[in-house]
Amino acid sequence: MEKASILEFSILANDLAKKNFQVCGVRSNGLVVFNRTVSLGRLEQLLSDSSPCVVAMEACATSQHSARVVMAHGHDVRPIPANYVKPFVK
């Protein structure tokens, strides 16, 4: 990953999964910096290399553990209820 361009985001949207995660970084002006699938190891590397930001994720059974991992890297977690996430998928 290119550190100079990718790590400049204010919101990180994270779609949780078992092995791979869909991650989308957005700047404060709404510009999408990147949108890709990453492994758990790469996600933790991305979180540790980036400055503190808002991380949005769906509130589900596994989100509590993921939220603790994200907060350990100094980020602000914003869980989103599943009924609000579905309209974005459609």
PDB file of N, CA and C in Angstrom:
ATOM      1  N   MET A   1       0.831  -1.181   0.000  1.00  0.00           N
ATOM      2  CA  MET A   1       0.000   0.000   0.000  1.00  0.00           C
ATOM      3  C   MET A   1       0.874   1.242   0.000  1.00  0.00           C
ATOM      4  N   GLU A   2       0.460   2.222  -0.764  1.00  0.00           N
ATOM      5  CA  GLU A   2       1.197   3.471  -0.810  1.00  0.00           C
ATOM      6  C   GLU A   2       0.843   4.290   0.410  1.00  0.00           C
ATOM      7  N   LYS A   3       1.828   4.536   1.286  1.00  0.00           N
ATOM      8  CA  LYS A   3       1.546   5.203   2.552  1.00  0.00           C
ATOM      9  C   LYS A   3       1.095   6.640   2.371  1.00  0.00           C
ATOM     10  N   ALA A   4       1.668   7.376   1.445  1.00  0.00           N
ATOM     11  CA  ALA A   4       1.364   8.801   1.337  1.00  0.00           C
ATOM     12  C   ALA A   4      -0.082   9.052   0.945  1.00  0.00           C
ATOM     13  N   SER A   5      -0.633   8.290   0.018  1.00  0.00           N
ATOM     14  CA  SER A   5      -1.976   8.576  -0.464  1.00  0.00           C
ATOM     15  C   SER A   5      -3.056   7.815   0.292  1.00  0.00           C
ATOM     16  N   ILE A   6      -2.798   6.579   0.658  1.00  0.00           N
ATOM     17  CA  ILE A   6      -3.842   5.753   1.256  1.00  0.00           C
ATOM     18  C   ILE A   6      -4.114   6.123   2.707  1.00  0.00           C
ATOM     19  N   LEU A   7      -3.124   6.505   3.451  1.00  0.00           N
ATOM     20  CA  LEU A   7      -3.313   6.722   4.870  1.00  0.00           C
ATOM     21  C   LEU A   7      -3.872   8.098   5.205  1.00  0.00           C
ATOM     22  N   GLU A   8      -4.249   8.874   4.215  1.00  0.00           N
ATOM     23  CA  GLU A   8      -4.847  10.184   4.435  1.00  0.00           C
ATOM     24  C   GLU A   8      -6.357  10.067   4.299  1.00  0.00           C
ATOM     25  N   PHE A   9      -7.024   9.623   5.361  1.00  0.00           N
ATOM     26  CA  PHE A   9      -8.476   9.510   5.360  1.00  0.00           C
ATOM     27  C   PHE A   9      -9.006   9.867   6.732  1.00  0.00           C
ATOM     28  N   SER A  10     -10.289  10.262   6.790  1.00  0.00           N
ATOM     29  CA  SER A  10     -10.887  10.636   8.072  1.00  0.00           C
ATOM     30  C   SER A  10     -11.921   9.617   8.527  1.00  0.00           C
ATOM     31  N   ILE A  11     -12.482   8.848   7.588  1.00  0.00           N
ATOM     32  CA  ILE A  11     -13.449   7.798   7.916  1.00  0.00           C
ATOM     33  C   ILE A  11     -13.007   6.510   7.244  1.00  0.00           C
ATOM     34  N   LEU A  12     -13.044   5.444   8.001  1.00  0.00           N
ATOM     35  CA  LEU A  12     -12.726   4.127   7.467  1.00  0.00           C
ATOM     36  C   LEU A  12     -13.960   3.258   7.645  1.00  0.00           C
ATOM     37  N   ALA A  13     -14.583   2.869   6.554  1.00  0.00           N
ATOM     38  CA  ALA A  13     -15.751   1.989   6.609  1.00  0.00           C
ATOM     39  C   ALA A  13     -15.257   0.556   6.482  1.00  0.00           C
ATOM     40  N   ASN A  14     -15.718  -0.297   7.390  1.00  0.00           N
ATOM     41  CA  ASN A  14     -15.197  -1.655   7.476  1.00  0.00           C
ATOM     42  C   ASN A  14     -16.364  -2.636   7.460  1.00  0.00           C
ATOM     43  N   ASP A  15     -16.378  -3.523   6.459  1.00  0.00           N
ATOM     44  CA  ASP A  15     -17.371  -4.582   6.397  1.00  0.00           C
ATOM     45  C   ASP A  15     -16.721  -5.841   6.959  1.00  0.00           C
ATOM     46  N   LEU A  16     -17.203  -6.296   8.097  1.00  0.00           N
ATOM     47  CA  LEU A  16     -16.587  -7.409   8.810  1.00  0.00           C
ATOM     48  C   LEU A  16     -16.886  -8.746   8.140  1.00  0.00           C
ATOM     49  N   ALA A  17     -15.899  -9.624   8.183  1.00  0.00           N
ATOM     50  CA  ALA A  17     -16.045 -10.988   7.665  1.00  0.00           C
ATOM     51  C   ALA A  17     -15.118 -11.884   8.476  1.00  0.00           C
ATOM     52  N   LYS A  18     -15.064 -13.163   8.116  1.00  0.00           N
ATOM     53  CA  LYS A  18     -14.236 -14.084   8.893  1.00  0.00           C
ATOM     54  C   LYS A  18     -12.758 -13.957   8.554  1.00  0.00           C
ATOM     55  N   LYS A  19     -12.413 -13.909   7.275  1.00  0.00           N
ATOM     56  CA  LYS A  19     -11.002 -13.873   6.893  1.00  0.00           C
ATOM     57  C   LYS A  19     -10.629 -12.594   6.151  1.00  0.00           C
ATOM     58  N   ASN A  20     -11.478 -12.119   5.278  1.00  0.00           N
ATOM     59  CA  ASN A  20     -11.197 -10.919   4.499  1.00  0.00           C
ATOM     60  C   ASN A  20     -12.202  -9.832   4.843  1.00  0.00           C
ATOM     61  N   PHE A  21     -11.736  -8.595   4.815  1.00  0.00           N
ATOM     62  CA  PHE A  21     -12.555  -7.453   5.182  1.00  0.00           C
ATOM     63  C   PHE A  21     -12.595  -6.468   4.019  1.00  0.00           C
ATOM     64  N   GLN A  22     -13.768  -5.945   3.727  1.00  0.00           N
ATOM     65  CA  GLN A  22     -13.896  -4.890   2.728  1.00  0.00           C
ATOM     66  C   GLN A  22     -13.690  -3.575   3.453  1.00  0.00           C
ATOM     67  N   VAL A  23     -12.705  -2.804   3.029  1.00  0.00           N
ATOM     68  CA  VAL A  23     -12.340  -1.567   3.710  1.00  0.00           C
ATOM     69  C   VAL A  23     -12.389  -0.417   2.711  1.00  0.00           C
ATOM     70  N   CYS A  24     -13.029   0.682   3.128  1.00  0.00           N
ATOM     71  CA  CYS A  24     -13.141   1.869   2.283  1.00  0.00           C
ATOM     72  C   CYS A  24     -12.682   3.077   3.089  1.00  0.00           C
ATOM     73  N   GLY A  25     -11.671   3.774   2.604  1.00  0.00           N
ATOM     74  CA  GLY A  25     -11.164   4.978   3.255  1.00  0.00           C
ATOM     75  C   GLY A  25     -11.703   6.208   2.554  1.00  0.00           C
ATOM     76  N   VAL A  26     -12.243   7.152   3.328  1.00  0.00           N
ATOM     77  CA  VAL A  26     -12.855   8.361   2.770  1.00  0.00           C
ATOM     78  C   VAL A  26     -12.245   9.582   3.444  1.00  0.00           C
ATOM     79  N   ARG A  27     -11.904  10.579   2.651  1.00  0.00           N
ATOM     80  CA  ARG A  27     -11.392  11.837   3.200  1.00  0.00           C
ATOM     81  C   ARG A  27     -12.545  12.681   3.719  1.00  0.00           C
ATOM     82  N   SER A  28     -12.215  13.741   4.447  1.00  0.00           N
ATOM     83  CA  SER A  28     -13.245  14.598   5.047  1.00  0.00           C
ATOM     84  C   SER A  28     -14.096  15.316   4.003  1.00  0.00           C
ATOM     85  N   ASN A  29     -13.584  15.474   2.783  1.00  0.00           N
ATOM     86  CA  ASN A  29     -14.361  16.123   1.724  1.00  0.00           C
ATOM     87  C   ASN A  29     -15.245  15.142   0.949  1.00  0.00           C
ATOM     88  N   GLY A  30     -15.260  13.865   1.358  1.00  0.00           N
ATOM     89  CA  GLY A  30     -16.098  12.856   0.718  1.00  0.00           C
ATOM     90  C   GLY A  30     -15.420  12.067  -0.378  1.00  0.00           C
ATOM     91  N   LEU A  31     -14.176  12.370  -0.687  1.00  0.00           N
ATOM     92  CA  LEU A  31     -13.430  11.666  -1.735  1.00  0.00           C
ATOM     93  C   LEU A  31     -13.009  10.289  -1.243  1.00  0.00           C
ATOM     94  N   VAL A  32     -13.347   9.255  -2.008  1.00  0.00           N
ATOM     95  CA  VAL A  32     -12.952   7.888  -1.665  1.00  0.00           C
ATOM     96  C   VAL A  32     -11.488   7.705  -2.036  1.00  0.00           C
ATOM     97  N   VAL A  33     -10.664   7.387  -1.042  1.00  0.00           N
ATOM     98  CA  VAL A  33      -9.229   7.211  -1.252  1.00  0.00           C
ATOM     99  C   VAL A  33      -8.947   5.802  -1.750  1.00  0.00           C
ATOM    100  N   PHE A  34      -9.588   4.808  -1.143  1.00  0.00           N
ATOM    101  CA  PHE A  34      -9.418   3.428  -1.575  1.00  0.00           C
ATOM    102  C   PHE A  34     -10.622   2.623  -1.139  1.00  0.00           C
ATOM    103  N   ASN A  35     -10.842   1.508  -1.823  1.00  0.00           N
ATOM    104  CA  ASN A  35     -11.917   0.570  -1.508  1.00  0.00           C
ATOM    105  C   ASN A  35     -11.428  -0.797  -1.954  1.00  0.00           C
ATOM    106  N   ARG A  36     -11.016  -1.608  -0.984  1.00  0.00           N
ATOM    107  CA  ARG A  36     -10.438  -2.904  -1.340  1.00  0.00           C
ATOM    108  C   ARG A  36     -10.676  -3.941  -0.259  1.00  0.00           C
ATOM    109  N   THR A  37     -10.405  -5.172  -0.602  1.00  0.00           N
ATOM    110  CA  THR A  37     -10.498  -6.283   0.325  1.00  0.00           C
ATOM    111  C   THR A  37      -9.122  -6.534   0.917  1.00  0.00           C
ATOM    112  N   VAL A  38      -9.065  -6.662   2.253  1.00  0.00           N
ATOM    113  CA  VAL A  38      -7.795  -6.910   2.926  1.00  0.00           C
ATOM    114  C   VAL A  38      -7.963  -8.047   3.929  1.00  0.00           C
ATOM    115  N   SER A  39      -6.861  -8.671   4.264  1.00  0.00           N
ATOM    116  CA  SER A  39      -6.870  -9.731   5.284  1.00  0.00           C
ATOM    117  C   SER A  39      -6.834  -9.083   6.666  1.00  0.00           C
ATOM    118  N   LEU A  40      -7.020  -9.883   7.696  1.00  0.00           N
ATOM    119  CA  LEU A  40      -7.001  -9.370   9.060  1.00  0.00           C
ATOM    120  C   LEU A  40      -5.642  -8.752   9.397  1.00  0.00           C
ATOM    121  N   GLY A  41      -4.575  -9.398   8.972  1.00  0.00           N
ATOM    122  CA  GLY A  41      -3.231  -8.866   9.221  1.00  0.00           C
ATOM    123  C   GLY A  41      -3.003  -7.522   8.566  1.00  0.00           C
ATOM    124  N   ARG A  42      -3.450  -7.390   7.315  1.00  0.00           N
ATOM    125  CA  ARG A  42      -3.300  -6.121   6.590  1.00  0.00           C
ATOM    126  C   ARG A  42      -4.193  -5.040   7.193  1.00  0.00           C
ATOM    127  N   LEU A  43      -5.369  -5.437   7.687  1.00  0.00           N
ATOM    128  CA  LEU A  43      -6.260  -4.467   8.331  1.00  0.00           C
ATOM    129  C   LEU A  43      -5.615  -3.919   9.593  1.00  0.00           C
ATOM    130  N   GLU A  44      -5.036  -4.800  10.414  1.00  0.00           N
ATOM    131  CA  GLU A  44      -4.367  -4.340  11.625  1.00  0.00           C
ATOM    132  C   GLU A  44      -3.163  -3.467  11.298  1.00  0.00           C
ATOM    133  N   GLN A  45      -2.447  -3.787  10.222  1.00  0.00           N
ATOM    134  CA  GLN A  45      -1.320  -2.950   9.795  1.00  0.00           C
ATOM    135  C   GLN A  45      -1.825  -1.582   9.350  1.00  0.00           C
ATOM    136  N   LEU A  46      -2.911  -1.551   8.598  1.00  0.00           N
ATOM    137  CA  LEU A  46      -3.491  -0.291   8.149  1.00  0.00           C
ATOM    138  C   LEU A  46      -3.924   0.556   9.340  1.00  0.00           C
ATOM    139  N   LEU A  47      -4.552  -0.069  10.345  1.00  0.00           N
ATOM    140  CA  LEU A  47      -5.000   0.658  11.526  1.00  0.00           C
ATOM    141  C   LEU A  47      -3.826   1.207  12.329  1.00  0.00           C
ATOM    142  N   SER A  48      -2.756   0.448  12.433  1.00  0.00           N
ATOM    143  CA  SER A  48      -1.617   0.908  13.218  1.00  0.00           C
ATOM    144  C   SER A  48      -0.821   1.993  12.493  1.00  0.00           C
ATOM    145  N   ASP A  49      -0.807   1.968  11.155  1.00  0.00           N
ATOM    146  CA  ASP A  49      -0.044   2.948  10.382  1.00  0.00           C
ATOM    147  C   ASP A  49      -0.787   4.270  10.186  1.00  0.00           C
ATOM    148  N   SER A  50      -2.098   4.268  10.337  1.00  0.00           N
ATOM    149  CA  SER A  50      -2.864   5.484  10.052  1.00  0.00           C
ATOM    150  C   SER A  50      -3.077   6.307  11.308  1.00  0.00           C
ATOM    151  N   SER A  51      -3.342   7.585  11.104  1.00  0.00           N
ATOM    152  CA  SER A  51      -3.637   8.466  12.235  1.00  0.00           C
ATOM    153  C   SER A  51      -5.053   8.180  12.721  1.00  0.00           C
ATOM    154  N   PRO A  52      -5.378   8.552  13.956  1.00  0.00           N
ATOM    155  CA  PRO A  52      -6.709   8.248  14.501  1.00  0.00           C
ATOM    156  C   PRO A  52      -7.833   8.818  13.621  1.00  0.00           C
ATOM    157  N   CYS A  53      -8.846   7.995  13.396  1.00  0.00           N
ATOM    158  CA  CYS A  53      -9.972   8.389  12.559  1.00  0.00           C
ATOM    159  C   CYS A  53     -11.230   7.692  13.066  1.00  0.00           C
ATOM    160  N   VAL A  54     -12.337   7.943  12.409  1.00  0.00           N
ATOM    161  CA  VAL A  54     -13.600   7.284  12.723  1.00  0.00           C
ATOM    162  C   VAL A  54     -13.658   5.990  11.913  1.00  0.00           C
ATOM    163  N   VAL A  55     -13.950   4.884  12.578  1.00  0.00           N
ATOM    164  CA  VAL A  55     -14.100   3.597  11.903  1.00  0.00           C
ATOM    165  C   VAL A  55     -15.549   3.164  12.050  1.00  0.00           C
ATOM    166  N   ALA A  56     -16.258   3.103  10.929  1.00  0.00           N
ATOM    167  CA  ALA A  56     -17.663   2.696  10.924  1.00  0.00           C
ATOM    168  C   ALA A  56     -17.749   1.226  10.564  1.00  0.00           C
ATOM    169  N   MET A  57     -18.546   0.482  11.351  1.00  0.00           N
ATOM    170  CA  MET A  57     -18.730  -0.936  11.065  1.00  0.00           C
ATOM    171  C   MET A  57     -20.126  -1.364  11.479  1.00  0.00           C
ATOM    172  N   GLU A  58     -20.611  -2.412  10.833  1.00  0.00           N
ATOM    173  CA  GLU A  58     -21.937  -2.937  11.157  1.00  0.00           C
ATOM    174  C   GLU A  58     -21.920  -3.572  12.537  1.00  0.00           C
ATOM    175  N   ALA A  59     -22.934  -3.271  13.334  1.00  0.00           N
ATOM    176  CA  ALA A  59     -23.063  -3.877  14.656  1.00  0.00           C
ATOM    177  C   ALA A  59     -23.620  -5.282  14.483  1.00  0.00           C
ATOM    178  N   CYS A  60     -22.773  -6.280  14.706  1.00  0.00           N
ATOM    179  CA  CYS A  60     -23.184  -7.675  14.572  1.00  0.00           C
ATOM    180  C   CYS A  60     -22.514  -8.480  15.678  1.00  0.00           C
ATOM    181  N   ALA A  61     -22.625  -9.781  15.611  1.00  0.00           N
ATOM    182  CA  ALA A  61     -22.100 -10.645  16.673  1.00  0.00           C
ATOM    183  C   ALA A  61     -20.586 -10.515  16.834  1.00  0.00           C
ATOM    184  N   THR A  62     -19.855 -10.342  15.755  1.00  0.00           N
ATOM    185  CA  THR A  62     -18.395 -10.273  15.839  1.00  0.00           C
ATOM    186  C   THR A  62     -17.867  -8.852  15.973  1.00  0.00           C
ATOM    187  N   SER A  63     -18.735  -7.858  15.920  1.00  0.00           N
ATOM    188  CA  SER A  63     -18.258  -6.481  15.908  1.00  0.00           C
ATOM    189  C   SER A  63     -17.660  -6.028  17.232  1.00  0.00           C
ATOM    190  N   GLN A  64     -18.061  -6.628  18.365  1.00  0.00           N
ATOM    191  CA  GLN A  64     -17.509  -6.210  19.650  1.00  0.00           C
ATOM    192  C   GLN A  64     -16.007  -6.497  19.735  1.00  0.00           C
ATOM    193  N   HIS A  65     -15.612  -7.674  19.281  1.00  0.00           N
ATOM    194  CA  HIS A  65     -14.182  -8.004  19.279  1.00  0.00           C
ATOM    195  C   HIS A  65     -13.428  -7.099  18.313  1.00  0.00           C
ATOM    196  N   SER A  66     -13.982  -6.920  17.124  1.00  0.00           N
ATOM    197  CA  SER A  66     -13.336  -6.064  16.126  1.00  0.00           C
ATOM    198  C   SER A  66     -13.225  -4.629  16.629  1.00  0.00           C
ATOM    199  N   ALA A  67     -14.251  -4.149  17.322  1.00  0.00           N
ATOM    200  CA  ALA A  67     -14.220  -2.787  17.861  1.00  0.00           C
ATOM    201  C   ALA A  67     -13.102  -2.637  18.889  1.00  0.00           C
ATOM    202  N   ARG A  68     -12.889  -3.645  19.714  1.00  0.00           N
ATOM    203  CA  ARG A  68     -11.803  -3.579  20.697  1.00  0.00           C
ATOM    204  C   ARG A  68     -10.434  -3.544  20.011  1.00  0.00           C
ATOM    205  N   VAL A  69     -10.285  -4.299  18.936  1.00  0.00           N
ATOM    206  CA  VAL A  69      -9.028  -4.288  18.183  1.00  0.00           C
ATOM    207  C   VAL A  69      -8.802  -2.911  17.572  1.00  0.00           C
ATOM    208  N   VAL A  70      -9.845  -2.317  17.003  1.00  0.00           N
ATOM    209  CA  VAL A  70      -9.741  -0.995  16.380  1.00  0.00           C
ATOM    210  C   VAL A  70      -9.412   0.062  17.433  1.00  0.00           C
ATOM    211  N   MET A  71     -10.100   0.028  18.578  1.00  0.00           N
ATOM    212  CA  MET A  71      -9.854   1.013  19.633  1.00  0.00           C
ATOM    213  C   MET A  71      -8.459   0.873  20.228  1.00  0.00           C
ATOM    214  N   ALA A  72      -7.895  -0.328  20.208  1.00  0.00           N
ATOM    215  CA  ALA A  72      -6.535  -0.521  20.707  1.00  0.00           C
ATOM    216  C   ALA A  72      -5.517   0.243  19.868  1.00  0.00           C
ATOM    217  N   HIS A  73      -5.867   0.537  18.621  1.00  0.00           N
ATOM    218  CA  HIS A  73      -4.992   1.308  17.737  1.00  0.00           C
ATOM    219  C   HIS A  73      -5.282   2.802  17.800  1.00  0.00           C
ATOM    220  N   GLY A  74      -6.190   3.222  18.690  1.00  0.00           N
ATOM    221  CA  GLY A  74      -6.449   4.641  18.910  1.00  0.00           C
ATOM    222  C   GLY A  74      -7.537   5.255  18.051  1.00  0.00           C
ATOM    223  N   HIS A  75      -8.346   4.451  17.401  1.00  0.00           N
ATOM    224  CA  HIS A  75      -9.399   4.968  16.530  1.00  0.00           C
ATOM    225  C   HIS A  75     -10.734   5.030  17.263  1.00  0.00           C
ATOM    226  N   ASP A  76     -11.655   5.825  16.729  1.00  0.00           N
ATOM    227  CA  ASP A  76     -12.996   5.980  17.291  1.00  0.00           C
ATOM    228  C   ASP A  76     -13.946   5.069  16.520  1.00  0.00           C
ATOM    229  N   VAL A  77     -14.572   4.128  17.198  1.00  0.00           N
ATOM    230  CA  VAL A  77     -15.459   3.148  16.554  1.00  0.00           C
ATOM    231  C   VAL A  77     -16.894   3.653  16.583  1.00  0.00           C
ATOM    232  N   ARG A  78     -17.572   3.555  15.446  1.00  0.00           N
ATOM    233  CA  ARG A  78     -18.981   3.909  15.343  1.00  0.00           C
ATOM    234  C   ARG A  78     -19.750   2.704  14.791  1.00  0.00           C
ATOM    235  N   PRO A  79     -20.342   1.903  15.664  1.00  0.00           N
ATOM    236  CA  PRO A  79     -21.138   0.764  15.178  1.00  0.00           C
ATOM    237  C   PRO A  79     -22.448   1.250  14.576  1.00  0.00           C
ATOM    238  N   ILE A  80     -22.836   0.661  13.464  1.00  0.00           N
ATOM    239  CA  ILE A  80     -24.056   1.034  12.756  1.00  0.00           C
ATOM    240  C   ILE A  80     -25.010  -0.155  12.808  1.00  0.00           C
ATOM    241  N   PRO A  81     -26.258   0.055  13.249  1.00  0.00           N
ATOM    242  CA  PRO A  81     -27.225  -1.050  13.279  1.00  0.00           C
ATOM    243  C   PRO A  81     -27.460  -1.623  11.880  1.00  0.00           C
ATOM    244  N   ALA A  82     -27.709  -2.926  11.830  1.00  0.00           N
ATOM    245  CA  ALA A  82     -27.840  -3.630  10.553  1.00  0.00           C
ATOM    246  C   ALA A  82     -28.958  -3.057   9.689  1.00  0.00           C
ATOM    247  N   ASN A  83     -30.058  -2.602  10.272  1.00  0.00           N
ATOM    248  CA  ASN A  83     -31.151  -2.077   9.458  1.00  0.00           C
ATOM    249  C   ASN A  83     -30.776  -0.770   8.772  1.00  0.00           C
ATOM    250  N   TYR A  84     -29.747  -0.060   9.248  1.00  0.00           N
ATOM    251  CA  TYR A  84     -29.267   1.138   8.554  1.00  0.00           C
ATOM    252  C   TYR A  84     -28.215   0.806   7.512  1.00  0.00           C
ATOM    253  N   VAL A  85     -27.577  -0.365   7.624  1.00  0.00           N
ATOM    254  CA  VAL A  85     -26.542  -0.759   6.681  1.00  0.00           C
ATOM    255  C   VAL A  85     -27.153  -1.297   5.388  1.00  0.00           C
ATOM    256  N   LYS A  86     -28.257  -2.022   5.475  1.00  0.00           N
ATOM    257  CA  LYS A  86     -28.876  -2.651   4.307  1.00  0.00           C
ATOM    258  C   LYS A  86     -29.150  -1.692   3.153  1.00  0.00           C
ATOM    259  N   PRO A  87     -29.656  -0.458   3.389  1.00  0.00           N
ATOM    260  CA  PRO A  87     -29.889   0.439   2.252  1.00  0.00           C
ATOM    261  C   PRO A  87     -28.616   0.775   1.477  1.00  0.00           C
ATOM    262  N   PHE A  88     -27.439   0.781   2.136  1.00  0.00           N
ATOM    263  CA  PHE A  88     -26.195   1.062   1.440  1.00  0.00           C
ATOM    264  C   PHE A  88     -25.794  -0.096   0.549  1.00  0.00           C
ATOM    265  N   VAL A  89     -26.118  -1.321   0.941  1.00  0.00           N
ATOM    266  CA  VAL A  89     -25.798  -2.501   0.145  1.00  0.00           C
ATOM    267  C   VAL A  89     -26.620  -2.512  -1.136  1.00  0.00           C
ATOM    268  N   LYS A  90     -27.889  -2.127  -1.019  1.00  0.00           N
ATOM    269  CA  LYS A  90     -28.766  -2.095  -2.195  1.00  0.00           C
ATOM    270  C   LYS A  90     -28.353  -0.983  -3.110  1.00  0.00           C
TER     271      LYS A  90
END
